[in-house]
Amino acid sequence: MFKRINRLPIALPVPKHPDANAAAAVQELLGGRFGEMSTLNNYLVQSSN
């Protein structure tokens, strides 16, 4: 069972300019480009089809 909340639990400031290095760091924390999150999403999509 999944519970979806359409808001962030904390308020984040909106950046004036995108930061590619910060985005890469967050992506690496989530398991890298083809890491755990990508695999989980693939399994969820395949199981729902």
PDB file of N, CA and C in Angstrom:
ATOM      1  N   MET A   1       0.847  -1.165   0.000  1.00  0.00           N
ATOM      2  CA  MET A   1       0.000   0.000   0.000  1.00  0.00           C
ATOM      3  C   MET A   1       0.900   1.238   0.000  1.00  0.00           C
ATOM      4  N   PHE A   2       0.547   2.207  -0.812  1.00  0.00           N
ATOM      5  CA  PHE A   2       1.323   3.431  -0.917  1.00  0.00           C
ATOM      6  C   PHE A   2       0.450   4.607  -0.544  1.00  0.00           C
ATOM      7  N   LYS A   3       1.011   5.528   0.185  1.00  0.00           N
ATOM      8  CA  LYS A   3       0.305   6.766   0.526  1.00  0.00           C
ATOM      9  C   LYS A   3       1.017   7.915  -0.163  1.00  0.00           C
ATOM     10  N   ARG A   4       0.296   8.648  -0.967  1.00  0.00           N
ATOM     11  CA  ARG A   4       0.886   9.751  -1.715  1.00  0.00           C
ATOM     12  C   ARG A   4       0.473  11.078  -1.090  1.00  0.00           C
ATOM     13  N   ILE A   5       1.461  11.906  -0.835  1.00  0.00           N
ATOM     14  CA  ILE A   5       1.224  13.253  -0.315  1.00  0.00           C
ATOM     15  C   ILE A   5       1.800  14.227  -1.343  1.00  0.00           C
ATOM     16  N   ASN A   6       0.986  15.110  -1.865  1.00  0.00           N
ATOM     17  CA  ASN A   6       1.406  15.998  -2.943  1.00  0.00           C
ATOM     18  C   ASN A   6       2.072  17.277  -2.448  1.00  0.00           C
ATOM     19  N   ARG A   7       2.900  17.147  -1.444  1.00  0.00           N
ATOM     20  CA  ARG A   7       3.680  18.293  -0.974  1.00  0.00           C
ATOM     21  C   ARG A   7       4.948  17.764  -0.322  1.00  0.00           C
ATOM     22  N   LEU A   8       5.956  18.606  -0.275  1.00  0.00           N
ATOM     23  CA  LEU A   8       7.202  18.221   0.371  1.00  0.00           C
ATOM     24  C   LEU A   8       7.061  18.380   1.877  1.00  0.00           C
ATOM     25  N   PRO A   9       7.726  17.525   2.658  1.00  0.00           N
ATOM     26  CA  PRO A   9       7.620  17.654   4.110  1.00  0.00           C
ATOM     27  C   PRO A   9       8.317  18.901   4.654  1.00  0.00           C
ATOM     28  N   ILE A  10       9.233  19.466   3.868  1.00  0.00           N
ATOM     29  CA  ILE A  10       9.908  20.695   4.281  1.00  0.00           C
ATOM     30  C   ILE A  10       9.865  21.686   3.125  1.00  0.00           C
ATOM     31  N   ALA A  11       9.965  22.956   3.447  1.00  0.00           N
ATOM     32  CA  ALA A  11       9.980  23.996   2.408  1.00  0.00           C
ATOM     33  C   ALA A  11      11.393  24.135   1.847  1.00  0.00           C
ATOM     34  N   LEU A  12      11.513  24.044   0.539  1.00  0.00           N
ATOM     35  CA  LEU A  12      12.807  24.193  -0.122  1.00  0.00           C
ATOM     36  C   LEU A  12      12.843  25.509  -0.882  1.00  0.00           C
ATOM     37  N   PRO A  13      13.965  26.232  -0.802  1.00  0.00           N
ATOM     38  CA  PRO A  13      14.055  27.469  -1.565  1.00  0.00           C
ATOM     39  C   PRO A  13      14.184  27.175  -3.060  1.00  0.00           C
ATOM     40  N   VAL A  14      13.606  28.016  -3.873  1.00  0.00           N
ATOM     41  CA  VAL A  14      13.691  27.859  -5.325  1.00  0.00           C
ATOM     42  C   VAL A  14      15.006  28.475  -5.795  1.00  0.00           C
ATOM     43  N   PRO A  15      15.869  27.687  -6.460  1.00  0.00           N
ATOM     44  CA  PRO A  15      17.148  28.240  -6.908  1.00  0.00           C
ATOM     45  C   PRO A  15      16.953  29.203  -8.079  1.00  0.00           C
ATOM     46  N   LYS A  16      17.834  30.181  -8.151  1.00  0.00           N
ATOM     47  CA  LYS A  16      17.775  31.134  -9.265  1.00  0.00           C
ATOM     48  C   LYS A  16      18.319  30.520 -10.545  1.00  0.00           C
ATOM     49  N   HIS A  17      19.337  29.677 -10.414  1.00  0.00           N
ATOM     50  CA  HIS A  17      19.949  29.015 -11.567  1.00  0.00           C
ATOM     51  C   HIS A  17      20.094  27.529 -11.254  1.00  0.00           C
ATOM     52  N   PRO A  18      19.857  26.633 -12.218  1.00  0.00           N
ATOM     53  CA  PRO A  18      20.046  25.209 -11.985  1.00  0.00           C
ATOM     54  C   PRO A  18      21.514  24.890 -11.706  1.00  0.00           C
ATOM     55  N   ASP A  19      21.744  23.935 -10.834  1.00  0.00           N
ATOM     56  CA  ASP A  19      23.106  23.538 -10.474  1.00  0.00           C
ATOM     57  C   ASP A  19      23.282  22.062 -10.835  1.00  0.00           C
ATOM     58  N   ALA A  20      24.024  21.805 -11.895  1.00  0.00           N
ATOM     59  CA  ALA A  20      24.211  20.437 -12.362  1.00  0.00           C
ATOM     60  C   ALA A  20      24.980  19.599 -11.351  1.00  0.00           C
ATOM     61  N   ASN A  21      25.935  20.189 -10.649  1.00  0.00           N
ATOM     62  CA  ASN A  21      26.711  19.433  -9.666  1.00  0.00           C
ATOM     63  C   ASN A  21      25.839  19.009  -8.490  1.00  0.00           C
ATOM     64  N   ALA A  22      24.959  19.883  -8.042  1.00  0.00           N
ATOM     65  CA  ALA A  22      24.059  19.533  -6.944  1.00  0.00           C
ATOM     66  C   ALA A  22      23.081  18.440  -7.386  1.00  0.00           C
ATOM     67  N   ALA A  23      22.577  18.521  -8.607  1.00  0.00           N
ATOM     68  CA  ALA A  23      21.668  17.498  -9.119  1.00  0.00           C
ATOM     69  C   ALA A  23      22.381  16.148  -9.208  1.00  0.00           C
ATOM     70  N   ALA A  24      23.632  16.147  -9.635  1.00  0.00           N
ATOM     71  CA  ALA A  24      24.398  14.902  -9.717  1.00  0.00           C
ATOM     72  C   ALA A  24      24.634  14.316  -8.330  1.00  0.00           C
ATOM     73  N   ALA A  25      24.874  15.177  -7.340  1.00  0.00           N
ATOM     74  CA  ALA A  25      25.090  14.700  -5.967  1.00  0.00           C
ATOM     75  C   ALA A  25      23.824  14.059  -5.409  1.00  0.00           C
ATOM     76  N   VAL A  26      22.673  14.675  -5.646  1.00  0.00           N
ATOM     77  CA  VAL A  26      21.410  14.100  -5.170  1.00  0.00           C
ATOM     78  C   VAL A  26      21.123  12.788  -5.882  1.00  0.00           C
ATOM     79  N   GLN A  27      21.382  12.742  -7.169  1.00  0.00           N
ATOM     80  CA  GLN A  27      21.153  11.515  -7.927  1.00  0.00           C
ATOM     81  C   GLN A  27      22.051  10.390  -7.419  1.00  0.00           C
ATOM     82  N   GLU A  28      23.281  10.709  -7.067  1.00  0.00           N
ATOM     83  CA  GLU A  28      24.202   9.711  -6.546  1.00  0.00           C
ATOM     84  C   GLU A  28      23.728   9.196  -5.180  1.00  0.00           C
ATOM     85  N   LEU A  29      23.167  10.080  -4.361  1.00  0.00           N
ATOM     86  CA  LEU A  29      22.635   9.658  -3.063  1.00  0.00           C
ATOM     87  C   LEU A  29      21.460   8.706  -3.227  1.00  0.00           C
ATOM     88  N   LEU A  30      20.699   8.867  -4.304  1.00  0.00           N
ATOM     89  CA  LEU A  30      19.546   8.011  -4.558  1.00  0.00           C
ATOM     90  C   LEU A  30      19.913   6.711  -5.261  1.00  0.00           C
ATOM     91  N   GLY A  31      21.176   6.447  -5.452  1.00  0.00           N
ATOM     92  CA  GLY A  31      21.582   5.166  -6.020  1.00  0.00           C
ATOM     93  C   GLY A  31      22.250   5.276  -7.368  1.00  0.00           C
ATOM     94  N   GLY A  32      22.586   6.462  -7.808  1.00  0.00           N
ATOM     95  CA  GLY A  32      23.268   6.597  -9.079  1.00  0.00           C
ATOM     96  C   GLY A  32      22.317   6.592 -10.261  1.00  0.00           C
ATOM     97  N   ARG A  33      22.890   6.679 -11.438  1.00  0.00           N
ATOM     98  CA  ARG A  33      22.082   6.792 -12.646  1.00  0.00           C
ATOM     99  C   ARG A  33      21.233   5.552 -12.881  1.00  0.00           C
ATOM    100  N   PHE A  34      21.798   4.378 -12.686  1.00  0.00           N
ATOM    101  CA  PHE A  34      21.053   3.129 -12.874  1.00  0.00           C
ATOM    102  C   PHE A  34      21.028   2.356 -11.560  1.00  0.00           C
ATOM    103  N   GLY A  35      20.748   3.057 -10.472  1.00  0.00           N
ATOM    104  CA  GLY A  35      20.800   2.454  -9.149  1.00  0.00           C
ATOM    105  C   GLY A  35      19.475   1.897  -8.679  1.00  0.00           C
ATOM    106  N   GLU A  36      19.324   1.870  -7.373  1.00  0.00           N
ATOM    107  CA  GLU A  36      18.180   1.217  -6.763  1.00  0.00           C
ATOM    108  C   GLU A  36      16.851   1.879  -7.126  1.00  0.00           C
ATOM    109  N   MET A  37      16.820   3.207  -7.183  1.00  0.00           N
ATOM    110  CA  MET A  37      15.561   3.885  -7.489  1.00  0.00           C
ATOM    111  C   MET A  37      15.099   3.581  -8.911  1.00  0.00           C
ATOM    112  N   SER A  38      16.015   3.555  -9.859  1.00  0.00           N
ATOM    113  CA  SER A  38      15.645   3.230 -11.240  1.00  0.00           C
ATOM    114  C   SER A  38      15.125   1.804 -11.326  1.00  0.00           C
ATOM    115  N   THR A  39      15.785   0.888 -10.639  1.00  0.00           N
ATOM    116  CA  THR A  39      15.356  -0.508 -10.652  1.00  0.00           C
ATOM    117  C   THR A  39      13.984  -0.652 -10.009  1.00  0.00           C
ATOM    118  N   LEU A  40      13.779   0.010  -8.888  1.00  0.00           N
ATOM    119  CA  LEU A  40      12.479  -0.041  -8.213  1.00  0.00           C
ATOM    120  C   LEU A  40      11.379   0.496  -9.124  1.00  0.00           C
ATOM    121  N   ASN A  41      11.620   1.628  -9.765  1.00  0.00           N
ATOM    122  CA  ASN A  41      10.611   2.197 -10.663  1.00  0.00           C
ATOM    123  C   ASN A  41      10.320   1.263 -11.832  1.00  0.00           C
ATOM    124  N   ASN A  42      11.349   0.632 -12.370  1.00  0.00           N
ATOM    125  CA  ASN A  42      11.127  -0.315 -13.471  1.00  0.00           C
ATOM    126  C   ASN A  42      10.256  -1.479 -13.025  1.00  0.00           C
ATOM    127  N   TYR A  43      10.537  -2.025 -11.859  1.00  0.00           N
ATOM    128  CA  TYR A  43       9.738  -3.148 -11.367  1.00  0.00           C
ATOM    129  C   TYR A  43       8.302  -2.727 -11.103  1.00  0.00           C
ATOM    130  N   LEU A  44       8.097  -1.534 -10.536  1.00  0.00           N
ATOM    131  CA  LEU A  44       6.748  -1.072 -10.269  1.00  0.00           C
ATOM    132  C   LEU A  44       5.955  -0.891 -11.564  1.00  0.00           C
ATOM    133  N   VAL A  45       6.573  -0.313 -12.580  1.00  0.00           N
ATOM    134  CA  VAL A  45       5.893  -0.095 -13.854  1.00  0.00           C
ATOM    135  C   VAL A  45       5.593  -1.439 -14.525  1.00  0.00           C
ATOM    136  N   GLN A  46       6.560  -2.347 -14.503  1.00  0.00           N
ATOM    137  CA  GLN A  46       6.350  -3.636 -15.150  1.00  0.00           C
ATOM    138  C   GLN A  46       5.271  -4.451 -14.441  1.00  0.00           C
ATOM    139  N   SER A  47       5.197  -4.341 -13.112  1.00  0.00           N
ATOM    140  CA  SER A  47       4.196  -5.110 -12.392  1.00  0.00           C
ATOM    141  C   SER A  47       2.792  -4.550 -12.585  1.00  0.00           C
ATOM    142  N   SER A  48       2.704  -3.251 -12.880  1.00  0.00           N
ATOM    143  CA  SER A  48       1.372  -2.667 -13.071  1.00  0.00           C
ATOM    144  C   SER A  48       0.862  -2.859 -14.494  1.00  0.00           C
ATOM    145  N   ASN A  49       1.730  -3.207 -15.421  1.00  0.00           N
ATOM    146  CA  ASN A  49       1.304  -3.415 -16.810  1.00  0.00           C
ATOM    147  C   ASN A  49       0.768  -4.805 -17.030  1.00  0.00           C
TER     148      ASN A  49
END
